[in-house]
Amino acid sequence: MRAIPYNQLERNARIKVGSVLANTTIFRRLPLETIECDANLFVFLIEHPDLVVNIWEALGVSEVELVKSDEDIYDASDKAGTRGRIEYLYQGPQVHLVYADGTYSGTLLSRPVRGRCVLLMRSTYGKTNDGRPIVRCNIDAFLHLENVGVGVLAKTFQPLVTTAADHNFHETAGFLASVHHAAASNYSGIQRLTDKLTNVDEGDRQEFSDLTTQVAVQAALAQAAKTPAPANRASRPATAGRPAPRVRKR
């Protein structure tokens, strides 16, 4: 709670956060994730969830819907009974604070349940010994559920929420790492994918293209630095009866 940047939040944002923290039904610190990913690309993807969901749509791996309704506000649906609104209250390279409210009306419970949550994500950046970029990130989740009895909470919601949250965070972090890897190793493929992103702002799509291009260039330079220069075979004396090899200029 002390890590939340209250002093940098607007009044309405502080009220939203305070209402959840004062009535937290479930608190969960998700396991730390460490991935290989360019820092700038990572921050961009975290701050543009609609673009990430559009990538999932283009790849056919998810039916989640996420539509940008206002600056830093998104309407979401998992098409399985959960609908809500997500709002970024604070965005910085090392701290992201998200507020969300919504309802669940699926088959697990006999009546709809409304909830609100605050997600505090903290990230640090570094490099491996061989120079590869890494990101370490974790999320503290504060969830308030309305009209949920203790028995239902203990038997149904808490195990479901904690297990699903851990799994989704792990899978999403891994996906961001895969985007970085694709940009570094399959630049033409990532650019073809970029062309298929039609449900996002054109400026955001262009910035994604620029960032993945930077990752591709950095990867190529790193590979070139590791590759030993070829020997100048033309300078070697020819063996008897065999012509000296020609050097092909590139």
C-alpha atoms as a PDB file:
ATOM      1  CA  MET A   1       0.000   0.000   0.000  1.00  0.00           C
ATOM      2  CA  ARG A   2       2.865   2.381   0.755  1.00  0.00           C
ATOM      3  CA  ALA A   3       4.213   1.827  -2.757  1.00  0.00           C
ATOM      4  CA  ILE A   4       1.102   3.368  -4.353  1.00  0.00           C
ATOM      5  CA  PRO A   5       1.995   6.867  -5.675  1.00  0.00           C
ATOM      6  CA  TYR A   6      -0.869   8.690  -3.935  1.00  0.00           C
ATOM      7  CA  ASN A   7       0.789  12.105  -4.188  1.00  0.00           C
ATOM      8  CA  GLN A   8       0.842  11.849  -7.975  1.00  0.00           C
ATOM      9  CA  LEU A   9      -2.821  10.856  -8.362  1.00  0.00           C
ATOM     10  CA  GLU A  10      -5.741  13.134  -9.066  1.00  0.00           C
ATOM     11  CA  ARG A  11      -8.402  13.445  -6.376  1.00  0.00           C
ATOM     12  CA  ASN A  12     -10.912  11.119  -8.085  1.00  0.00           C
ATOM     13  CA  ALA A  13      -8.208   8.527  -8.575  1.00  0.00           C
ATOM     14  CA  ARG A  14      -7.256   8.657  -4.905  1.00  0.00           C
ATOM     15  CA  ILE A  15     -10.917   8.137  -3.970  1.00  0.00           C
ATOM     16  CA  LYS A  16     -11.204   5.083  -6.217  1.00  0.00           C
ATOM     17  CA  VAL A  17      -8.034   3.523  -4.852  1.00  0.00           C
ATOM     18  CA  GLY A  18      -8.924   4.318  -1.258  1.00  0.00           C
ATOM     19  CA  SER A  19     -12.385   2.768  -1.555  1.00  0.00           C
ATOM     20  CA  VAL A  20     -10.895  -0.560  -2.628  1.00  0.00           C
ATOM     21  CA  LEU A  21      -8.045  -0.592  -0.142  1.00  0.00           C
ATOM     22  CA  ALA A  22     -10.393   0.236   2.716  1.00  0.00           C
ATOM     23  CA  ASN A  23     -12.637  -2.728   1.822  1.00  0.00           C
ATOM     24  CA  THR A  24     -10.278  -5.336   0.385  1.00  0.00           C
ATOM     25  CA  THR A  25     -11.892  -8.766   0.160  1.00  0.00           C
ATOM     26  CA  ILE A  26      -8.878 -10.524  -1.392  1.00  0.00           C
ATOM     27  CA  PHE A  27      -5.242  -9.442  -1.531  1.00  0.00           C
ATOM     28  CA  ARG A  28      -2.855 -11.314  -3.778  1.00  0.00           C
ATOM     29  CA  ARG A  29       0.806 -10.727  -4.563  1.00  0.00           C
ATOM     30  CA  LEU A  30       1.369 -12.468  -7.863  1.00  0.00           C
ATOM     31  CA  PRO A  31       4.630 -14.395  -8.350  1.00  0.00           C
ATOM     32  CA  LEU A  32       7.565 -12.412  -9.720  1.00  0.00           C
ATOM     33  CA  GLU A  33       8.057 -12.805 -13.472  1.00  0.00           C
ATOM     34  CA  THR A  34      11.433 -12.432 -15.197  1.00  0.00           C
ATOM     35  CA  ILE A  35      11.409 -12.223 -18.980  1.00  0.00           C
ATOM     36  CA  GLU A  36      13.694 -11.244 -21.817  1.00  0.00           C
ATOM     37  CA  CYS A  37      12.274  -8.091 -23.362  1.00  0.00           C
ATOM     38  CA  ASP A  38      13.422  -4.676 -24.509  1.00  0.00           C
ATOM     39  CA  ALA A  39      12.453  -2.115 -21.846  1.00  0.00           C
ATOM     40  CA  ASN A  40      10.880   0.392 -24.242  1.00  0.00           C
ATOM     41  CA  LEU A  41       8.868  -2.301 -26.005  1.00  0.00           C
ATOM     42  CA  PHE A  42       7.733  -3.738 -22.661  1.00  0.00           C
ATOM     43  CA  VAL A  43       6.473  -0.388 -21.352  1.00  0.00           C
ATOM     44  CA  PHE A  44       4.707   0.347 -24.637  1.00  0.00           C
ATOM     45  CA  LEU A  45       2.857  -2.983 -24.590  1.00  0.00           C
ATOM     46  CA  ILE A  46       1.884  -2.590 -20.934  1.00  0.00           C
ATOM     47  CA  GLU A  47       0.456   0.854 -21.651  1.00  0.00           C
ATOM     48  CA  HIS A  48      -1.389  -0.239 -24.825  1.00  0.00           C
ATOM     49  CA  PRO A  49      -3.381  -3.322 -23.823  1.00  0.00           C
ATOM     50  CA  ASP A  50      -5.741  -2.859 -26.773  1.00  0.00           C
ATOM     51  CA  LEU A  51      -2.817  -3.455 -29.127  1.00  0.00           C
ATOM     52  CA  VAL A  52      -1.843  -6.632 -27.261  1.00  0.00           C
ATOM     53  CA  VAL A  53      -5.433  -7.903 -27.492  1.00  0.00           C
ATOM     54  CA  ASN A  54      -5.492  -7.014 -31.204  1.00  0.00           C
ATOM     55  CA  ILE A  55      -2.363  -9.153 -31.659  1.00  0.00           C
ATOM     56  CA  TRP A  56      -4.164 -12.022 -29.923  1.00  0.00           C
ATOM     57  CA  GLU A  57      -7.106 -11.510 -32.282  1.00  0.00           C
ATOM     58  CA  ALA A  58      -4.833 -11.515 -35.325  1.00  0.00           C
ATOM     59  CA  LEU A  59      -3.178 -14.733 -34.130  1.00  0.00           C
ATOM     60  CA  GLY A  60      -6.512 -16.335 -33.213  1.00  0.00           C
ATOM     61  CA  VAL A  61      -5.392 -17.192 -29.668  1.00  0.00           C
ATOM     62  CA  SER A  62      -8.007 -15.326 -27.605  1.00  0.00           C
ATOM     63  CA  GLU A  63     -11.575 -14.071 -27.775  1.00  0.00           C
ATOM     64  CA  VAL A  64     -11.086 -11.362 -25.152  1.00  0.00           C
ATOM     65  CA  GLU A  65     -12.509  -7.997 -26.217  1.00  0.00           C
ATOM     66  CA  LEU A  66     -10.873  -4.721 -25.208  1.00  0.00           C
ATOM     67  CA  VAL A  67     -12.025  -1.418 -26.676  1.00  0.00           C
ATOM     68  CA  LYS A  68     -10.498   1.968 -25.913  1.00  0.00           C
ATOM     69  CA  SER A  69     -13.341   4.246 -24.854  1.00  0.00           C
ATOM     70  CA  ASP A  70     -11.330   7.244 -23.635  1.00  0.00           C
ATOM     71  CA  GLU A  71      -7.772   8.242 -22.845  1.00  0.00           C
ATOM     72  CA  ASP A  72      -6.319   5.439 -20.678  1.00  0.00           C
ATOM     73  CA  ILE A  73      -9.792   3.839 -20.251  1.00  0.00           C
ATOM     74  CA  TYR A  74     -10.861   0.528 -21.795  1.00  0.00           C
ATOM     75  CA  ASP A  75     -14.077  -1.516 -21.867  1.00  0.00           C
ATOM     76  CA  ALA A  76     -13.396  -5.229 -21.525  1.00  0.00           C
ATOM     77  CA  SER A  77     -15.186  -8.563 -21.853  1.00  0.00           C
ATOM     78  CA  ASP A  78     -13.875 -12.116 -21.642  1.00  0.00           C
ATOM     79  CA  LYS A  79     -17.050 -13.500 -23.342  1.00  0.00           C
ATOM     80  CA  ALA A  80     -17.415 -15.876 -20.396  1.00  0.00           C
ATOM     81  CA  GLY A  81     -19.508 -13.733 -18.100  1.00  0.00           C
ATOM     82  CA  THR A  82     -17.094 -11.016 -16.999  1.00  0.00           C
ATOM     83  CA  ARG A  83     -17.462  -7.447 -18.211  1.00  0.00           C
ATOM     84  CA  GLY A  84     -15.818  -4.320 -16.873  1.00  0.00           C
ATOM     85  CA  ARG A  85     -13.997  -1.073 -17.332  1.00  0.00           C
ATOM     86  CA  ILE A  86     -10.237  -0.680 -16.893  1.00  0.00           C
ATOM     87  CA  GLU A  87      -8.602   2.649 -16.124  1.00  0.00           C
ATOM     88  CA  TYR A  88      -4.895   3.490 -15.939  1.00  0.00           C
ATOM     89  CA  LEU A  89      -4.497   5.862 -12.987  1.00  0.00           C
ATOM     90  CA  TYR A  90      -0.710   6.157 -13.123  1.00  0.00           C
ATOM     91  CA  GLN A  91       1.859   5.153 -15.729  1.00  0.00           C
ATOM     92  CA  GLY A  92       5.600   5.227 -15.310  1.00  0.00           C
ATOM     93  CA  PRO A  93       8.445   2.982 -16.480  1.00  0.00           C
ATOM     94  CA  GLN A  94       8.711   1.342 -13.069  1.00  0.00           C
ATOM     95  CA  VAL A  95       5.176   1.724 -11.683  1.00  0.00           C
ATOM     96  CA  HIS A  96       1.753   1.217 -13.259  1.00  0.00           C
ATOM     97  CA  LEU A  97      -1.453   1.613 -11.262  1.00  0.00           C
ATOM     98  CA  VAL A  98      -4.710   0.289 -12.694  1.00  0.00           C
ATOM     99  CA  TYR A  99      -8.269   0.498 -11.390  1.00  0.00           C
ATOM    100  CA  ALA A 100     -11.050  -1.711 -12.707  1.00  0.00           C
ATOM    101  CA  ASP A 101     -14.689  -2.382 -11.895  1.00  0.00           C
ATOM    102  CA  GLY A 102     -17.086  -4.862 -13.401  1.00  0.00           C
ATOM    103  CA  THR A 103     -19.485  -7.745 -12.963  1.00  0.00           C
ATOM    104  CA  TYR A 104     -19.421 -11.513 -13.241  1.00  0.00           C
ATOM    105  CA  SER A 105     -22.609 -13.284 -14.302  1.00  0.00           C
ATOM    106  CA  GLY A 106     -21.365 -16.687 -15.391  1.00  0.00           C
ATOM    107  CA  THR A 107     -22.314 -20.235 -14.423  1.00  0.00           C
ATOM    108  CA  LEU A 108     -20.206 -20.458 -11.262  1.00  0.00           C
ATOM    109  CA  LEU A 109     -22.638 -18.415  -9.164  1.00  0.00           C
ATOM    110  CA  SER A 110     -26.400 -18.170  -9.085  1.00  0.00           C
ATOM    111  CA  ARG A 111     -26.473 -14.376  -9.222  1.00  0.00           C
ATOM    112  CA  PRO A 112     -24.241 -11.644 -10.669  1.00  0.00           C
ATOM    113  CA  VAL A 113     -21.366 -10.396  -8.533  1.00  0.00           C
ATOM    114  CA  ARG A 114     -19.927  -6.920  -8.774  1.00  0.00           C
ATOM    115  CA  GLY A 115     -16.331  -6.152  -7.945  1.00  0.00           C
ATOM    116  CA  ARG A 116     -13.648  -3.498  -8.000  1.00  0.00           C
ATOM    117  CA  CYS A 117      -9.893  -3.934  -7.982  1.00  0.00           C
ATOM    118  CA  VAL A 118      -6.629  -2.032  -7.844  1.00  0.00           C
ATOM    119  CA  LEU A 119      -3.538  -3.467  -9.522  1.00  0.00           C
ATOM    120  CA  LEU A 120      -0.095  -2.151  -8.650  1.00  0.00           C
ATOM    121  CA  MET A 121       2.567  -3.341 -11.083  1.00  0.00           C
ATOM    122  CA  ARG A 122       6.251  -2.685 -10.382  1.00  0.00           C
ATOM    123  CA  SER A 123       9.002  -3.357 -12.916  1.00  0.00           C
ATOM    124  CA  THR A 124      12.795  -3.244 -12.946  1.00  0.00           C
ATOM    125  CA  TYR A 125      15.088  -3.479 -15.946  1.00  0.00           C
ATOM    126  CA  GLY A 126      18.548  -4.886 -16.479  1.00  0.00           C
ATOM    127  CA  LYS A 127      20.745  -7.041 -18.687  1.00  0.00           C
ATOM    128  CA  THR A 128      22.094 -10.560 -18.521  1.00  0.00           C
ATOM    129  CA  ASN A 129      25.825 -11.252 -18.468  1.00  0.00           C
ATOM    130  CA  ASP A 130      25.806 -11.588 -22.238  1.00  0.00           C
ATOM    131  CA  GLY A 131      23.930  -8.310 -22.741  1.00  0.00           C
ATOM    132  CA  ARG A 132      20.363  -9.515 -23.304  1.00  0.00           C
ATOM    133  CA  PRO A 133      17.666  -7.156 -21.904  1.00  0.00           C
ATOM    134  CA  ILE A 134      15.540  -8.503 -19.047  1.00  0.00           C
ATOM    135  CA  VAL A 135      12.495  -7.229 -17.193  1.00  0.00           C
ATOM    136  CA  ARG A 136      11.428  -8.280 -13.703  1.00  0.00           C
ATOM    137  CA  CYS A 137       7.854  -7.449 -12.774  1.00  0.00           C
ATOM    138  CA  ASN A 138       5.261  -8.301 -10.163  1.00  0.00           C
ATOM    139  CA  ILE A 139       1.688  -7.286  -9.369  1.00  0.00           C
ATOM    140  CA  ASP A 140      -0.039  -6.603  -6.066  1.00  0.00           C
ATOM    141  CA  ALA A 141      -3.792  -7.071  -6.515  1.00  0.00           C
ATOM    142  CA  PHE A 142      -6.432  -5.624  -4.165  1.00  0.00           C
ATOM    143  CA  LEU A 143      -9.957  -6.905  -4.875  1.00  0.00           C
ATOM    144  CA  HIS A 144     -13.272  -5.895  -3.337  1.00  0.00           C
ATOM    145  CA  LEU A 145     -16.292  -8.124  -4.022  1.00  0.00           C
ATOM    146  CA  GLU A 146     -19.818  -7.047  -3.207  1.00  0.00           C
ATOM    147  CA  ASN A 147     -22.464  -9.362  -1.711  1.00  0.00           C
ATOM    148  CA  VAL A 148     -20.266 -12.448  -1.549  1.00  0.00           C
ATOM    149  CA  GLY A 149     -20.598 -14.618   1.542  1.00  0.00           C
ATOM    150  CA  VAL A 150     -17.624 -16.001   3.419  1.00  0.00           C
ATOM    151  CA  GLY A 151     -18.402 -19.563   2.350  1.00  0.00           C
ATOM    152  CA  VAL A 152     -18.668 -18.710  -1.330  1.00  0.00           C
ATOM    153  CA  LEU A 153     -15.536 -16.620  -1.082  1.00  0.00           C
ATOM    154  CA  ALA A 154     -13.508 -19.402   0.533  1.00  0.00           C
ATOM    155  CA  LYS A 155     -14.774 -22.243  -1.656  1.00  0.00           C
ATOM    156  CA  THR A 156     -15.213 -20.594  -5.033  1.00  0.00           C
ATOM    157  CA  PHE A 157     -13.943 -17.090  -5.609  1.00  0.00           C
ATOM    158  CA  GLN A 158     -10.645 -16.969  -3.762  1.00  0.00           C
ATOM    159  CA  PRO A 159      -9.165 -20.184  -5.240  1.00  0.00           C
ATOM    160  CA  LEU A 160     -10.509 -19.235  -8.681  1.00  0.00           C
ATOM    161  CA  VAL A 161      -9.236 -15.666  -8.608  1.00  0.00           C
ATOM    162  CA  THR A 162      -5.770 -16.444  -7.255  1.00  0.00           C
ATOM    163  CA  THR A 163      -5.163 -19.384  -9.602  1.00  0.00           C
ATOM    164  CA  ALA A 164      -6.471 -17.550 -12.663  1.00  0.00           C
ATOM    165  CA  ALA A 165      -4.570 -14.373 -11.838  1.00  0.00           C
ATOM    166  CA  ASP A 166      -1.245 -16.188 -11.402  1.00  0.00           C
ATOM    167  CA  HIS A 167      -1.752 -18.141 -14.616  1.00  0.00           C
ATOM    168  CA  ASN A 168      -2.850 -15.156 -16.694  1.00  0.00           C
ATOM    169  CA  PHE A 169       0.007 -12.982 -15.466  1.00  0.00           C
ATOM    170  CA  HIS A 170       2.548 -15.711 -16.256  1.00  0.00           C
ATOM    171  CA  GLU A 171       1.093 -16.318 -19.716  1.00  0.00           C
ATOM    172  CA  THR A 172       0.862 -12.624 -20.560  1.00  0.00           C
ATOM    173  CA  ALA A 173       4.424 -11.925 -19.422  1.00  0.00           C
ATOM    174  CA  GLY A 174       5.576 -14.847 -21.531  1.00  0.00           C
ATOM    175  CA  PHE A 175       3.679 -13.461 -24.499  1.00  0.00           C
ATOM    176  CA  LEU A 176       5.415 -10.089 -24.200  1.00  0.00           C
ATOM    177  CA  ALA A 177       8.731 -11.947 -24.205  1.00  0.00           C
ATOM    178  CA  SER A 178       7.650 -13.791 -27.358  1.00  0.00           C
ATOM    179  CA  VAL A 179       6.899 -10.482 -29.100  1.00  0.00           C
ATOM    180  CA  HIS A 180      10.436  -9.326 -28.284  1.00  0.00           C
ATOM    181  CA  HIS A 181      11.872 -12.625 -29.544  1.00  0.00           C
ATOM    182  CA  ALA A 182       9.854 -12.433 -32.776  1.00  0.00           C
ATOM    183  CA  ALA A 183      11.056  -8.874 -33.400  1.00  0.00           C
ATOM    184  CA  ALA A 184      14.670  -9.938 -32.821  1.00  0.00           C
ATOM    185  CA  SER A 185      14.608 -13.145 -34.873  1.00  0.00           C
ATOM    186  CA  ASN A 186      11.759 -12.799 -37.400  1.00  0.00           C
ATOM    187  CA  TYR A 187      11.506  -9.144 -38.333  1.00  0.00           C
ATOM    188  CA  SER A 188       9.587  -9.715 -41.570  1.00  0.00           C
ATOM    189  CA  GLY A 189       7.054 -11.841 -39.703  1.00  0.00           C
ATOM    190  CA  ILE A 190       6.466  -9.237 -36.993  1.00  0.00           C
ATOM    191  CA  GLN A 191       5.980  -6.568 -39.660  1.00  0.00           C
ATOM    192  CA  ARG A 192       3.396  -8.717 -41.431  1.00  0.00           C
ATOM    193  CA  LEU A 193       1.637  -9.110 -38.108  1.00  0.00           C
ATOM    194  CA  THR A 194       1.738  -5.340 -37.578  1.00  0.00           C
ATOM    195  CA  ASP A 195      -0.083  -4.843 -40.875  1.00  0.00           C
ATOM    196  CA  LYS A 196      -2.960  -6.968 -39.519  1.00  0.00           C
ATOM    197  CA  LEU A 197      -3.532  -4.757 -36.469  1.00  0.00           C
ATOM    198  CA  THR A 198      -6.593  -2.882 -37.666  1.00  0.00           C
ATOM    199  CA  ASN A 199      -8.389  -2.304 -34.343  1.00  0.00           C
ATOM    200  CA  VAL A 200      -5.912   0.147 -32.849  1.00  0.00           C
ATOM    201  CA  ASP A 201      -4.943   3.760 -33.358  1.00  0.00           C
ATOM    202  CA  GLU A 202      -2.722   4.234 -36.414  1.00  0.00           C
ATOM    203  CA  GLY A 203      -0.190   6.197 -34.375  1.00  0.00           C
ATOM    204  CA  ASP A 204       0.072   3.360 -31.848  1.00  0.00           C
ATOM    205  CA  ARG A 205       0.506   0.811 -34.620  1.00  0.00           C
ATOM    206  CA  GLN A 206       3.303   2.883 -36.164  1.00  0.00           C
ATOM    207  CA  GLU A 207       5.042   3.243 -32.805  1.00  0.00           C
ATOM    208  CA  PHE A 208       4.839  -0.528 -32.312  1.00  0.00           C
ATOM    209  CA  SER A 209       6.413  -0.984 -35.756  1.00  0.00           C
ATOM    210  CA  ASP A 210       9.191   1.467 -34.898  1.00  0.00           C
ATOM    211  CA  LEU A 211       9.935  -0.224 -31.553  1.00  0.00           C
ATOM    212  CA  THR A 212      10.087  -3.715 -33.065  1.00  0.00           C
ATOM    213  CA  THR A 213      12.364  -2.344 -35.795  1.00  0.00           C
ATOM    214  CA  GLN A 214      14.703  -1.009 -33.115  1.00  0.00           C
ATOM    215  CA  VAL A 215      14.735  -4.418 -31.423  1.00  0.00           C
ATOM    216  CA  ALA A 216      15.564  -6.086 -34.756  1.00  0.00           C
ATOM    217  CA  VAL A 217      18.428  -3.655 -35.412  1.00  0.00           C
ATOM    218  CA  GLN A 218      19.852  -4.111 -31.904  1.00  0.00           C
ATOM    219  CA  ALA A 219      19.667  -7.896 -32.282  1.00  0.00           C
ATOM    220  CA  ALA A 220      21.439  -7.757 -35.651  1.00  0.00           C
ATOM    221  CA  LEU A 221      24.212  -5.551 -34.265  1.00  0.00           C
ATOM    222  CA  ALA A 222      24.650  -7.832 -31.251  1.00  0.00           C
ATOM    223  CA  GLN A 223      24.887 -10.880 -33.521  1.00  0.00           C
ATOM    224  CA  ALA A 224      27.382  -9.154 -35.791  1.00  0.00           C
ATOM    225  CA  ALA A 225      29.550  -8.301 -32.790  1.00  0.00           C
ATOM    226  CA  LYS A 226      29.627 -11.972 -31.777  1.00  0.00           C
ATOM    227  CA  THR A 227      30.424 -13.314 -35.262  1.00  0.00           C
ATOM    228  CA  PRO A 228      34.184 -13.583 -35.961  1.00  0.00           C
ATOM    229  CA  ALA A 229      35.399 -11.869 -39.116  1.00  0.00           C
ATOM    230  CA  PRO A 230      36.103 -14.305 -41.981  1.00  0.00           C
ATOM    231  CA  ALA A 231      39.757 -14.989 -42.775  1.00  0.00           C
ATOM    232  CA  ASN A 232      41.150 -13.249 -45.850  1.00  0.00           C
ATOM    233  CA  ARG A 233      41.761 -16.356 -47.905  1.00  0.00           C
ATOM    234  CA  ALA A 234      43.051 -14.363 -50.870  1.00  0.00           C
ATOM    235  CA  SER A 235      46.206 -13.477 -48.947  1.00  0.00           C
ATOM    236  CA  ARG A 236      47.190 -17.119 -48.499  1.00  0.00           C
ATOM    237  CA  PRO A 237      49.680 -18.597 -51.014  1.00  0.00           C
ATOM    238  CA  ALA A 238      48.144 -20.928 -53.559  1.00  0.00           C
ATOM    239  CA  THR A 239      49.096 -24.591 -53.347  1.00  0.00           C
ATOM    240  CA  ALA A 240      50.947 -26.172 -56.232  1.00  0.00           C
ATOM    241  CA  GLY A 241      48.723 -26.913 -59.196  1.00  0.00           C
ATOM    242  CA  ARG A 242      45.728 -25.165 -57.606  1.00  0.00           C
ATOM    243  CA  PRO A 243      44.715 -21.585 -58.378  1.00  0.00           C
ATOM    244  CA  ALA A 244      44.366 -19.139 -55.539  1.00  0.00           C
ATOM    245  CA  PRO A 245      40.723 -18.720 -54.507  1.00  0.00           C
ATOM    246  CA  ARG A 246      38.940 -15.557 -55.580  1.00  0.00           C
ATOM    247  CA  VAL A 247      37.480 -13.192 -53.005  1.00  0.00           C
ATOM    248  CA  ARG A 248      33.926 -12.222 -53.840  1.00  0.00           C
ATOM    249  CA  LYS A 249      33.121  -8.639 -52.945  1.00  0.00           C
ATOM    250  CA  ARG A 250      29.757  -8.002 -51.322  1.00  0.00           C
END
